Amino acid sequence: MNFQHLGMVGYGEVGRIFAAGLKDRVAGASTWDLKFETPALREAPLAHAAQAGVDACTSMAELCGRSDLIISAVTASNTLAVAQGAAAHIRPGAIFLDLNSASPGTKQQAAALIEAAGALYVEAGVMTSVPPYGIRVPMLLGGARAAELAALLNGWGMDVKAVSEQLGVASAIKMCRSVMIKGLEALVIESYTTARAYGVEDHVLPTLAETFPSIDWGRQGAYFFSRVVQHGQRRAEEMREAANTVREAGPGFQPFMASAIADKQQWVADQARAGFFAGLGKDARWQDYADRLLDAAPKP
């Protein structure tokens, strides 16, 4: 593999990090995002791309026409739509690396579209939050060319491991982990906020520390609240894909927990969109977030 031009689909938090971290590994780097088509939303990302030295494309067709390595980093609900859009324009032989948090079934559908166009599809499971790690965030790859691509990306300074030639394995690992991690976030938010409402948090948290002494429950709680407030919409979409992963595991196996987690994440995201957390700083305590949620809840 020898890539000359990187195309980044999605120029949000993850897309910006990967574009900045990888652009010097290739001759050129471009990006395209739906926000570029919306006058009210495009000014900030276009300015950021220009400052970062990443070319902003006017369409998916333009990006695909330039790129021999395309990385898709969008919200989970747009995983298949991006693959559909790229398949109409992607160059034969190009690699399409799908970073999105989607179920094995969704990734397999995306792969079928890309490969029908003569390009090559590799799935990725991004195994933790990107910002602390940058391009060295641990990732699992799957697909027929996963091992070859992993070797190249590791040479670029990434932390990538090929886990299977079969599509869906990397995504299954990612989604099963998400049920646990996003579930912990949802449980902490529900437990802590309820404890706050009853005034019993000073009794509840010490019992958690007694059972799991390696965790700083106050600090961890604040982190969970802040991440869901900031990224709850993205997390809710990911958990709907996790619910699809559970369904795909077998007939009659229902995603009761994954669906509930998605609902809790979505509810917090809705409160954030409504402005209930406005003014909270990055060092806000979990109690500050919980109080805002209690203010947001309808009173009996």
C-alpha atoms as a PDB file:
ATOM      1  CA  MET A   1       0.000   0.000   0.000  1.00  0.00           C
ATOM      2  CA  ASN A   2       1.242   3.441  -0.933  1.00  0.00           C
ATOM      3  CA  PHE A   3      -1.206   6.273  -0.353  1.00  0.00           C
ATOM      4  CA  GLN A   4      -0.768   9.704  -1.894  1.00  0.00           C
ATOM      5  CA  HIS A   5      -3.898  11.511  -0.768  1.00  0.00           C
ATOM      6  CA  LEU A   6      -5.996  11.206   2.384  1.00  0.00           C
ATOM      7  CA  GLY A   7      -9.704  11.974   2.314  1.00  0.00           C
ATOM      8  CA  MET A   8     -11.451  12.517   5.642  1.00  0.00           C
ATOM      9  CA  VAL A   9     -15.248  12.246   5.630  1.00  0.00           C
ATOM     10  CA  GLY A  10     -16.506  14.078   8.711  1.00  0.00           C
ATOM     11  CA  TYR A  11     -14.699  17.064  10.177  1.00  0.00           C
ATOM     12  CA  GLY A  12     -15.897  16.950  13.749  1.00  0.00           C
ATOM     13  CA  GLU A  13     -13.737  16.249  16.779  1.00  0.00           C
ATOM     14  CA  VAL A  14     -12.430  12.903  15.530  1.00  0.00           C
ATOM     15  CA  GLY A  15     -12.042  13.962  11.912  1.00  0.00           C
ATOM     16  CA  ARG A  16     -10.003  17.007  12.862  1.00  0.00           C
ATOM     17  CA  ILE A  17      -7.679  14.967  15.044  1.00  0.00           C
ATOM     18  CA  PHE A  18      -7.033  12.341  12.371  1.00  0.00           C
ATOM     19  CA  ALA A  19      -6.672  14.853   9.543  1.00  0.00           C
ATOM     20  CA  ALA A  20      -4.133  16.885  11.524  1.00  0.00           C
ATOM     21  CA  GLY A  21      -2.238  13.807  12.681  1.00  0.00           C
ATOM     22  CA  LEU A  22      -2.001  12.092   9.293  1.00  0.00           C
ATOM     23  CA  LYS A  23      -1.793  14.880   6.704  1.00  0.00           C
ATOM     24  CA  ASP A  24       1.998  14.962   6.797  1.00  0.00           C
ATOM     25  CA  ARG A  25       2.152  11.234   6.046  1.00  0.00           C
ATOM     26  CA  VAL A  26       0.735  11.767   2.553  1.00  0.00           C
ATOM     27  CA  ALA A  27       1.185  14.217  -0.303  1.00  0.00           C
ATOM     28  CA  GLY A  28      -2.144  15.877   0.401  1.00  0.00           C
ATOM     29  CA  ALA A  29      -5.201  15.719   2.670  1.00  0.00           C
ATOM     30  CA  SER A  30      -8.787  16.754   2.053  1.00  0.00           C
ATOM     31  CA  THR A  31     -12.004  16.690   4.016  1.00  0.00           C
ATOM     32  CA  TRP A  32     -15.712  16.905   3.373  1.00  0.00           C
ATOM     33  CA  ASP A  33     -18.514  17.312   5.885  1.00  0.00           C
ATOM     34  CA  LEU A  34     -22.243  17.878   5.534  1.00  0.00           C
ATOM     35  CA  LYS A  35     -21.779  21.051   7.586  1.00  0.00           C
ATOM     36  CA  PHE A  36     -19.881  22.525   4.643  1.00  0.00           C
ATOM     37  CA  GLU A  37     -23.199  22.668   2.767  1.00  0.00           C
ATOM     38  CA  THR A  38     -25.018  24.585   5.525  1.00  0.00           C
ATOM     39  CA  PRO A  39     -24.312  28.338   5.632  1.00  0.00           C
ATOM     40  CA  ALA A  40     -25.081  28.624   9.338  1.00  0.00           C
ATOM     41  CA  LEU A  41     -22.695  25.787  10.257  1.00  0.00           C
ATOM     42  CA  ARG A  42     -19.846  25.845   7.770  1.00  0.00           C
ATOM     43  CA  GLU A  43     -17.849  28.943   8.729  1.00  0.00           C
ATOM     44  CA  ALA A  44     -16.089  27.469  11.788  1.00  0.00           C
ATOM     45  CA  PRO A  45     -15.100  24.076  10.308  1.00  0.00           C
ATOM     46  CA  LEU A  46     -13.987  25.636   7.021  1.00  0.00           C
ATOM     47  CA  ALA A  47     -11.812  28.122   8.910  1.00  0.00           C
ATOM     48  CA  HIS A  48     -10.367  25.318  11.033  1.00  0.00           C
ATOM     49  CA  ALA A  49      -9.548  23.214   7.964  1.00  0.00           C
ATOM     50  CA  ALA A  50      -7.841  26.148   6.258  1.00  0.00           C
ATOM     51  CA  GLN A  51      -5.721  26.876   9.314  1.00  0.00           C
ATOM     52  CA  ALA A  52      -4.821  23.173   9.680  1.00  0.00           C
ATOM     53  CA  GLY A  53      -3.697  22.868   6.076  1.00  0.00           C
ATOM     54  CA  VAL A  54      -6.488  20.472   5.106  1.00  0.00           C
ATOM     55  CA  ASP A  55      -8.328  21.136   1.836  1.00  0.00           C
ATOM     56  CA  ALA A  56     -12.096  21.446   2.267  1.00  0.00           C
ATOM     57  CA  CYS A  57     -13.948  19.791  -0.614  1.00  0.00           C
ATOM     58  CA  THR A  58     -17.272  20.973  -1.970  1.00  0.00           C
ATOM     59  CA  SER A  59     -18.702  17.472  -2.323  1.00  0.00           C
ATOM     60  CA  MET A  60     -18.199  13.798  -1.633  1.00  0.00           C
ATOM     61  CA  ALA A  61     -17.479  13.349  -5.341  1.00  0.00           C
ATOM     62  CA  GLU A  62     -14.585  15.819  -5.187  1.00  0.00           C
ATOM     63  CA  LEU A  63     -13.104  14.155  -2.105  1.00  0.00           C
ATOM     64  CA  CYS A  64     -13.358  10.655  -3.585  1.00  0.00           C
ATOM     65  CA  GLY A  65     -11.854  11.818  -6.864  1.00  0.00           C
ATOM     66  CA  ARG A  66      -8.735  12.999  -5.046  1.00  0.00           C
ATOM     67  CA  SER A  67      -8.257  10.247  -2.472  1.00  0.00           C
ATOM     68  CA  ASP A  68      -6.783   6.775  -2.418  1.00  0.00           C
ATOM     69  CA  LEU A  69      -7.319   6.419   1.357  1.00  0.00           C
ATOM     70  CA  ILE A  70     -10.696   7.550   2.657  1.00  0.00           C
ATOM     71  CA  ILE A  71     -11.449   7.583   6.379  1.00  0.00           C
ATOM     72  CA  SER A  72     -15.064   7.832   7.476  1.00  0.00           C
ATOM     73  CA  ALA A  73     -15.504   9.439  10.903  1.00  0.00           C
ATOM     74  CA  VAL A  74     -19.139  10.471  11.297  1.00  0.00           C
ATOM     75  CA  THR A  75     -21.917   9.759  13.771  1.00  0.00           C
ATOM     76  CA  ALA A  76     -23.140   6.179  13.986  1.00  0.00           C
ATOM     77  CA  SER A  77     -26.470   6.942  12.330  1.00  0.00           C
ATOM     78  CA  ASN A  78     -24.673   8.194   9.201  1.00  0.00           C
ATOM     79  CA  THR A  79     -22.384   5.181   8.763  1.00  0.00           C
ATOM     80  CA  LEU A  80     -24.334   3.581   5.937  1.00  0.00           C
ATOM     81  CA  ALA A  81     -25.263   6.871   4.247  1.00  0.00           C
ATOM     82  CA  VAL A  82     -21.586   7.834   3.976  1.00  0.00           C
ATOM     83  CA  ALA A  83     -20.720   4.460   2.471  1.00  0.00           C
ATOM     84  CA  GLN A  84     -23.552   4.864  -0.029  1.00  0.00           C
ATOM     85  CA  GLY A  85     -22.358   8.326  -0.971  1.00  0.00           C
ATOM     86  CA  ALA A  86     -18.742   7.267  -1.294  1.00  0.00           C
ATOM     87  CA  ALA A  87     -19.568   4.166  -3.332  1.00  0.00           C
ATOM     88  CA  ALA A  88     -20.958   6.351  -6.124  1.00  0.00           C
ATOM     89  CA  HIS A  89     -17.621   8.128  -6.587  1.00  0.00           C
ATOM     90  CA  ILE A  90     -14.801   6.142  -4.972  1.00  0.00           C
ATOM     91  CA  ARG A  91     -11.822   5.230  -7.126  1.00  0.00           C
ATOM     92  CA  PRO A  92     -11.286   1.516  -7.871  1.00  0.00           C
ATOM     93  CA  GLY A  93      -8.564   0.153  -5.622  1.00  0.00           C
ATOM     94  CA  ALA A  94      -8.941   2.897  -3.009  1.00  0.00           C
ATOM     95  CA  ILE A  95      -9.164   1.933   0.663  1.00  0.00           C
ATOM     96  CA  PHE A  96     -12.222   2.967   2.670  1.00  0.00           C
ATOM     97  CA  LEU A  97     -11.470   2.834   6.408  1.00  0.00           C
ATOM     98  CA  ASP A  98     -14.676   2.979   8.448  1.00  0.00           C
ATOM     99  CA  LEU A  99     -14.062   4.294  11.974  1.00  0.00           C
ATOM    100  CA  ASN A 100     -17.730   4.642  12.864  1.00  0.00           C
ATOM    101  CA  SER A 101     -19.386   2.933  15.817  1.00  0.00           C
ATOM    102  CA  ALA A 102     -21.817   0.639  14.052  1.00  0.00           C
ATOM    103  CA  SER A 103     -23.051  -2.929  14.346  1.00  0.00           C
ATOM    104  CA  PRO A 104     -21.415  -5.792  12.450  1.00  0.00           C
ATOM    105  CA  GLY A 105     -24.443  -5.952  10.173  1.00  0.00           C
ATOM    106  CA  THR A 106     -24.228  -2.253   9.333  1.00  0.00           C
ATOM    107  CA  LYS A 107     -20.511  -2.539   8.612  1.00  0.00           C
ATOM    108  CA  GLN A 108     -21.109  -5.525   6.351  1.00  0.00           C
ATOM    109  CA  GLN A 109     -23.730  -3.580   4.403  1.00  0.00           C
ATOM    110  CA  ALA A 110     -21.312  -0.670   4.060  1.00  0.00           C
ATOM    111  CA  ALA A 111     -18.578  -3.021   2.868  1.00  0.00           C
ATOM    112  CA  ALA A 112     -20.826  -4.509   0.193  1.00  0.00           C
ATOM    113  CA  LEU A 113     -21.463  -1.034  -1.252  1.00  0.00           C
ATOM    114  CA  ILE A 114     -17.799  -0.030  -1.285  1.00  0.00           C
ATOM    115  CA  GLU A 115     -16.560  -3.309  -2.694  1.00  0.00           C
ATOM    116  CA  ALA A 116     -19.220  -3.334  -5.434  1.00  0.00           C
ATOM    117  CA  ALA A 117     -17.611  -0.107  -6.639  1.00  0.00           C
ATOM    118  CA  GLY A 118     -14.221  -1.823  -6.941  1.00  0.00           C
ATOM    119  CA  ALA A 119     -12.709  -0.299  -3.801  1.00  0.00           C
ATOM    120  CA  LEU A 120     -11.514  -2.028  -0.620  1.00  0.00           C
ATOM    121  CA  TYR A 121     -13.272  -1.794   2.749  1.00  0.00           C
ATOM    122  CA  VAL A 122     -11.641  -2.099   6.178  1.00  0.00           C
ATOM    123  CA  GLU A 123     -13.632  -1.735   9.378  1.00  0.00           C
ATOM    124  CA  ALA A 124     -12.225  -0.203  12.544  1.00  0.00           C
ATOM    125  CA  GLY A 125     -13.323  -0.419  16.134  1.00  0.00           C
ATOM    126  CA  VAL A 126     -12.069   2.639  18.023  1.00  0.00           C
ATOM    127  CA  MET A 127     -11.658   1.272  21.521  1.00  0.00           C
ATOM    128  CA  THR A 128     -11.686   4.377  23.699  1.00  0.00           C
ATOM    129  CA  SER A 129     -12.145   8.136  23.571  1.00  0.00           C
ATOM    130  CA  VAL A 130      -9.994   9.706  20.852  1.00  0.00           C
ATOM    131  CA  PRO A 131      -8.946  13.116  22.290  1.00  0.00           C
ATOM    132  CA  PRO A 132      -6.560  11.917  25.014  1.00  0.00           C
ATOM    133  CA  TYR A 133      -4.682   9.732  22.528  1.00  0.00           C
ATOM    134  CA  GLY A 134      -4.974  11.491  19.188  1.00  0.00           C
ATOM    135  CA  ILE A 135      -4.075   9.224  16.284  1.00  0.00           C
ATOM    136  CA  ARG A 136      -2.605   6.743  18.771  1.00  0.00           C
ATOM    137  CA  VAL A 137      -6.037   5.821  20.067  1.00  0.00           C
ATOM    138  CA  PRO A 138      -6.187   1.997  20.187  1.00  0.00           C
ATOM    139  CA  MET A 139      -8.070   0.602  17.190  1.00  0.00           C
ATOM    140  CA  LEU A 140      -8.985  -2.852  15.975  1.00  0.00           C
ATOM    141  CA  LEU A 141      -9.201  -3.532  12.241  1.00  0.00           C
ATOM    142  CA  GLY A 142     -11.119  -6.159  10.332  1.00  0.00           C
ATOM    143  CA  GLY A 143     -11.356  -7.207   6.701  1.00  0.00           C
ATOM    144  CA  ALA A 144      -9.327  -8.928   4.002  1.00  0.00           C
ATOM    145  CA  ARG A 145      -6.766  -6.096   3.875  1.00  0.00           C
ATOM    146  CA  ALA A 146      -6.811  -5.307   7.601  1.00  0.00           C
ATOM    147  CA  ALA A 147      -3.375  -6.758   8.400  1.00  0.00           C
ATOM    148  CA  GLU A 148      -1.696  -4.946   5.514  1.00  0.00           C
ATOM    149  CA  LEU A 149      -3.325  -1.633   6.425  1.00  0.00           C
ATOM    150  CA  ALA A 150      -2.513  -2.103  10.111  1.00  0.00           C
ATOM    151  CA  ALA A 151       1.173  -2.499   9.317  1.00  0.00           C
ATOM    152  CA  LEU A 152       1.189   0.731   7.322  1.00  0.00           C
ATOM    153  CA  LEU A 153      -0.771   2.752   9.898  1.00  0.00           C
ATOM    154  CA  ASN A 154       1.428   1.552  12.740  1.00  0.00           C
ATOM    155  CA  GLY A 155       4.354   2.828  10.697  1.00  0.00           C
ATOM    156  CA  TRP A 156       2.563   6.184  10.653  1.00  0.00           C
ATOM    157  CA  GLY A 157       2.576   6.280  14.448  1.00  0.00           C
ATOM    158  CA  MET A 158      -0.880   4.829  15.093  1.00  0.00           C
ATOM    159  CA  ASP A 159      -1.825   2.032  17.504  1.00  0.00           C
ATOM    160  CA  VAL A 160      -3.676  -0.449  15.320  1.00  0.00           C
ATOM    161  CA  LYS A 161      -4.229  -4.202  15.524  1.00  0.00           C
ATOM    162  CA  ALA A 162      -5.794  -6.429  12.886  1.00  0.00           C
ATOM    163  CA  VAL A 163      -8.107  -8.909  14.602  1.00  0.00           C
ATOM    164  CA  SER A 164      -9.811 -10.750  11.747  1.00  0.00           C
ATOM    165  CA  GLU A 165     -10.119 -11.027   7.981  1.00  0.00           C
ATOM    166  CA  GLN A 166     -13.853 -11.428   8.608  1.00  0.00           C
ATOM    167  CA  LEU A 167     -15.854  -8.220   8.617  1.00  0.00           C
ATOM    168  CA  GLY A 168     -17.878  -7.650  11.780  1.00  0.00           C
ATOM    169  CA  VAL A 169     -15.459  -9.039  14.360  1.00  0.00           C
ATOM    170  CA  ALA A 170     -13.796  -5.714  15.164  1.00  0.00           C
ATOM    171  CA  SER A 171     -17.188  -4.012  15.360  1.00  0.00           C
ATOM    172  CA  ALA A 172     -18.587  -6.726  17.608  1.00  0.00           C
ATOM    173  CA  ILE A 173     -15.710  -6.202  20.044  1.00  0.00           C
ATOM    174  CA  LYS A 174     -16.274  -2.453  19.999  1.00  0.00           C
ATOM    175  CA  MET A 175     -20.056  -2.683  20.432  1.00  0.00           C
ATOM    176  CA  CYS A 176     -19.905  -5.203  23.282  1.00  0.00           C
ATOM    177  CA  ARG A 177     -17.495  -2.893  25.080  1.00  0.00           C
ATOM    178  CA  SER A 178     -19.795   0.050  24.426  1.00  0.00           C
ATOM    179  CA  VAL A 179     -22.706  -1.669  26.158  1.00  0.00           C
ATOM    180  CA  MET A 180     -20.553  -1.827  29.280  1.00  0.00           C
ATOM    181  CA  ILE A 181     -18.873   1.605  29.126  1.00  0.00           C
ATOM    182  CA  LYS A 182     -21.889   3.642  28.008  1.00  0.00           C
ATOM    183  CA  GLY A 183     -23.971   1.565  30.398  1.00  0.00           C
ATOM    184  CA  LEU A 184     -21.747   2.592  33.304  1.00  0.00           C
ATOM    185  CA  GLU A 185     -22.169   6.213  32.267  1.00  0.00           C
ATOM    186  CA  ALA A 186     -25.942   5.876  32.192  1.00  0.00           C
ATOM    187  CA  LEU A 187     -26.040   4.026  35.514  1.00  0.00           C
ATOM    188  CA  VAL A 188     -23.858   6.618  37.230  1.00  0.00           C
ATOM    189  CA  ILE A 189     -25.982   9.471  35.929  1.00  0.00           C
ATOM    190  CA  GLU A 190     -29.221   7.823  37.047  1.00  0.00           C
ATOM    191  CA  SER A 191     -27.886   6.630  40.411  1.00  0.00           C
ATOM    192  CA  TYR A 192     -26.048   9.827  41.347  1.00  0.00           C
ATOM    193  CA  THR A 193     -28.840  12.161  40.271  1.00  0.00           C
ATOM    194  CA  THR A 194     -31.405  10.135  42.185  1.00  0.00           C
ATOM    195  CA  ALA A 195     -29.156  10.086  45.254  1.00  0.00           C
ATOM    196  CA  ARG A 196     -28.799  13.845  44.935  1.00  0.00           C
ATOM    197  CA  ALA A 197     -32.581  14.267  44.809  1.00  0.00           C
ATOM    198  CA  TYR A 198     -32.966  12.327  48.065  1.00  0.00           C
ATOM    199  CA  GLY A 199     -29.935  13.938  49.700  1.00  0.00           C
ATOM    200  CA  VAL A 200     -28.207  10.588  50.247  1.00  0.00           C
ATOM    201  CA  GLU A 201     -25.148  10.895  47.983  1.00  0.00           C
ATOM    202  CA  ASP A 202     -22.787  11.094  50.967  1.00  0.00           C
ATOM    203  CA  HIS A 203     -24.014   7.658  51.982  1.00  0.00           C
ATOM    204  CA  VAL A 204     -24.174   6.057  48.520  1.00  0.00           C
ATOM    205  CA  LEU A 205     -20.724   6.939  47.158  1.00  0.00           C
ATOM    206  CA  PRO A 206     -18.783   5.572  50.165  1.00  0.00           C
ATOM    207  CA  THR A 207     -20.511   2.213  49.692  1.00  0.00           C
ATOM    208  CA  LEU A 208     -19.361   2.171  46.064  1.00  0.00           C
ATOM    209  CA  ALA A 209     -15.820   2.977  47.172  1.00  0.00           C
ATOM    210  CA  GLU A 210     -15.975   0.142  49.676  1.00  0.00           C
ATOM    211  CA  THR A 211     -17.024  -2.338  46.996  1.00  0.00           C
ATOM    212  CA  PHE A 212     -14.730  -0.985  44.252  1.00  0.00           C
ATOM    213  CA  PRO A 213     -11.895   0.779  46.108  1.00  0.00           C
ATOM    214  CA  SER A 214      -9.734   1.316  43.033  1.00  0.00           C
ATOM    215  CA  ILE A 215     -12.216   3.839  41.566  1.00  0.00           C
ATOM    216  CA  ASP A 216     -12.478   7.473  42.628  1.00  0.00           C
ATOM    217  CA  TRP A 217     -16.268   7.574  42.327  1.00  0.00           C
ATOM    218  CA  GLY A 218     -16.574  11.320  42.687  1.00  0.00           C
ATOM    219  CA  ARG A 219     -13.992  12.090  40.032  1.00  0.00           C
ATOM    220  CA  GLN A 220     -15.192   9.301  37.744  1.00  0.00           C
ATOM    221  CA  GLY A 221     -18.760  10.497  38.143  1.00  0.00           C
ATOM    222  CA  ALA A 222     -17.830  14.024  37.101  1.00  0.00           C
ATOM    223  CA  TYR A 223     -16.035  12.671  34.040  1.00  0.00           C
ATOM    224  CA  PHE A 224     -18.992  10.490  33.025  1.00  0.00           C
ATOM    225  CA  PHE A 225     -21.447  13.360  33.391  1.00  0.00           C
ATOM    226  CA  SER A 226     -19.241  15.734  31.398  1.00  0.00           C
ATOM    227  CA  ARG A 227     -18.708  13.291  28.524  1.00  0.00           C
ATOM    228  CA  VAL A 228     -22.396  12.496  28.178  1.00  0.00           C
ATOM    229  CA  VAL A 229     -23.358  16.165  28.359  1.00  0.00           C
ATOM    230  CA  GLN A 230     -20.816  16.942  25.641  1.00  0.00           C
ATOM    231  CA  HIS A 231     -21.321  13.895  23.427  1.00  0.00           C
ATOM    232  CA  GLY A 232     -24.659  12.396  24.457  1.00  0.00           C
ATOM    233  CA  GLN A 233     -26.162  12.527  20.977  1.00  0.00           C
ATOM    234  CA  ARG A 234     -23.236  10.647  19.486  1.00  0.00           C
ATOM    235  CA  ARG A 235     -23.342   8.154  22.347  1.00  0.00           C
ATOM    236  CA  ALA A 236     -27.082   7.589  21.950  1.00  0.00           C
ATOM    237  CA  GLU A 237     -26.617   6.826  18.267  1.00  0.00           C
ATOM    238  CA  GLU A 238     -23.774   4.460  19.077  1.00  0.00           C
ATOM    239  CA  MET A 239     -25.930   2.649  21.604  1.00  0.00           C
ATOM    240  CA  ARG A 240     -28.697   2.182  19.051  1.00  0.00           C
ATOM    241  CA  GLU A 241     -26.088   0.436  16.920  1.00  0.00           C
ATOM    242  CA  ALA A 242     -25.063  -1.565  19.987  1.00  0.00           C
ATOM    243  CA  ALA A 243     -28.704  -2.587  20.351  1.00  0.00           C
ATOM    244  CA  ASN A 244     -28.642  -3.722  16.716  1.00  0.00           C
ATOM    245  CA  THR A 245     -25.515  -5.728  17.524  1.00  0.00           C
ATOM    246  CA  VAL A 246     -27.379  -7.531  20.310  1.00  0.00           C
ATOM    247  CA  ARG A 247     -30.297  -8.277  17.965  1.00  0.00           C
ATOM    248  CA  GLU A 248     -27.917  -9.594  15.330  1.00  0.00           C
ATOM    249  CA  ALA A 249     -26.472 -12.027  17.894  1.00  0.00           C
ATOM    250  CA  GLY A 250     -29.453 -14.337  17.527  1.00  0.00           C
ATOM    251  CA  PRO A 251     -33.220 -14.643  17.154  1.00  0.00           C
ATOM    252  CA  GLY A 252     -35.103 -13.628  20.270  1.00  0.00           C
ATOM    253  CA  PHE A 253     -32.094 -12.034  21.979  1.00  0.00           C
ATOM    254  CA  GLN A 254     -33.412  -8.604  22.885  1.00  0.00           C
ATOM    255  CA  PRO A 255     -31.305  -5.513  23.691  1.00  0.00           C
ATOM    256  CA  PHE A 256     -33.207  -4.454  26.801  1.00  0.00           C
ATOM    257  CA  MET A 257     -30.151  -2.874  28.402  1.00  0.00           C
ATOM    258  CA  ALA A 258     -28.616  -1.343  25.283  1.00  0.00           C
ATOM    259  CA  SER A 259     -31.926   0.285  24.351  1.00  0.00           C
ATOM    260  CA  ALA A 260     -32.352   1.725  27.842  1.00  0.00           C
ATOM    261  CA  ILE A 261     -28.800   3.076  27.779  1.00  0.00           C
ATOM    262  CA  ALA A 262     -29.518   4.772  24.446  1.00  0.00           C
ATOM    263  CA  ASP A 263     -32.634   6.380  25.933  1.00  0.00           C
ATOM    264  CA  LYS A 264     -30.738   7.745  28.936  1.00  0.00           C
ATOM    265  CA  GLN A 265     -27.923   9.095  26.777  1.00  0.00           C
ATOM    266  CA  GLN A 266     -30.455  10.697  24.439  1.00  0.00           C
ATOM    267  CA  TRP A 267     -32.331  12.314  27.322  1.00  0.00           C
ATOM    268  CA  VAL A 268     -29.159  13.928  28.650  1.00  0.00           C
ATOM    269  CA  ALA A 269     -28.273  15.066  25.128  1.00  0.00           C
ATOM    270  CA  ASP A 270     -31.715  16.650  24.807  1.00  0.00           C
ATOM    271  CA  GLN A 271     -31.225  18.559  28.064  1.00  0.00           C
ATOM    272  CA  ALA A 272     -27.839  19.764  26.862  1.00  0.00           C
ATOM    273  CA  ARG A 273     -29.386  20.951  23.601  1.00  0.00           C
ATOM    274  CA  ALA A 274     -32.027  22.808  25.601  1.00  0.00           C
ATOM    275  CA  GLY A 275     -29.284  24.700  27.440  1.00  0.00           C
ATOM    276  CA  PHE A 276     -29.653  23.245  30.935  1.00  0.00           C
ATOM    277  CA  PHE A 277     -25.884  22.894  31.357  1.00  0.00           C
ATOM    278  CA  ALA A 278     -24.956  26.337  30.057  1.00  0.00           C
ATOM    279  CA  GLY A 279     -22.190  27.976  32.057  1.00  0.00           C
ATOM    280  CA  LEU A 280     -20.760  24.828  33.632  1.00  0.00           C
ATOM    281  CA  GLY A 281     -16.979  24.825  33.358  1.00  0.00           C
ATOM    282  CA  LYS A 282     -14.708  21.930  32.517  1.00  0.00           C
ATOM    283  CA  ASP A 283     -14.008  21.390  36.225  1.00  0.00           C
ATOM    284  CA  ALA A 284     -17.678  21.144  37.217  1.00  0.00           C
ATOM    285  CA  ARG A 285     -18.536  18.563  39.884  1.00  0.00           C
ATOM    286  CA  TRP A 286     -20.943  15.758  39.204  1.00  0.00           C
ATOM    287  CA  GLN A 287     -23.272  17.407  41.713  1.00  0.00           C
ATOM    288  CA  ASP A 288     -23.477  20.480  39.464  1.00  0.00           C
ATOM    289  CA  TYR A 289     -24.571  18.347  36.528  1.00  0.00           C
ATOM    290  CA  ALA A 290     -27.039  16.390  38.652  1.00  0.00           C
ATOM    291  CA  ASP A 291     -28.628  19.592  39.948  1.00  0.00           C
ATOM    292  CA  ARG A 292     -29.168  20.798  36.395  1.00  0.00           C
ATOM    293  CA  LEU A 293     -30.779  17.481  35.451  1.00  0.00           C
ATOM    294  CA  LEU A 294     -33.098  17.723  38.449  1.00  0.00           C
ATOM    295  CA  ASP A 295     -34.050  21.242  37.367  1.00  0.00           C
ATOM    296  CA  ALA A 296     -34.754  19.908  33.863  1.00  0.00           C
ATOM    297  CA  ALA A 297     -37.051  17.095  35.027  1.00  0.00           C
ATOM    298  CA  PRO A 298     -40.789  17.952  35.073  1.00  0.00           C
ATOM    299  CA  LYS A 299     -42.062  18.450  38.603  1.00  0.00           C
ATOM    300  CA  PRO A 300     -44.993  16.286  39.778  1.00  0.00           C
END
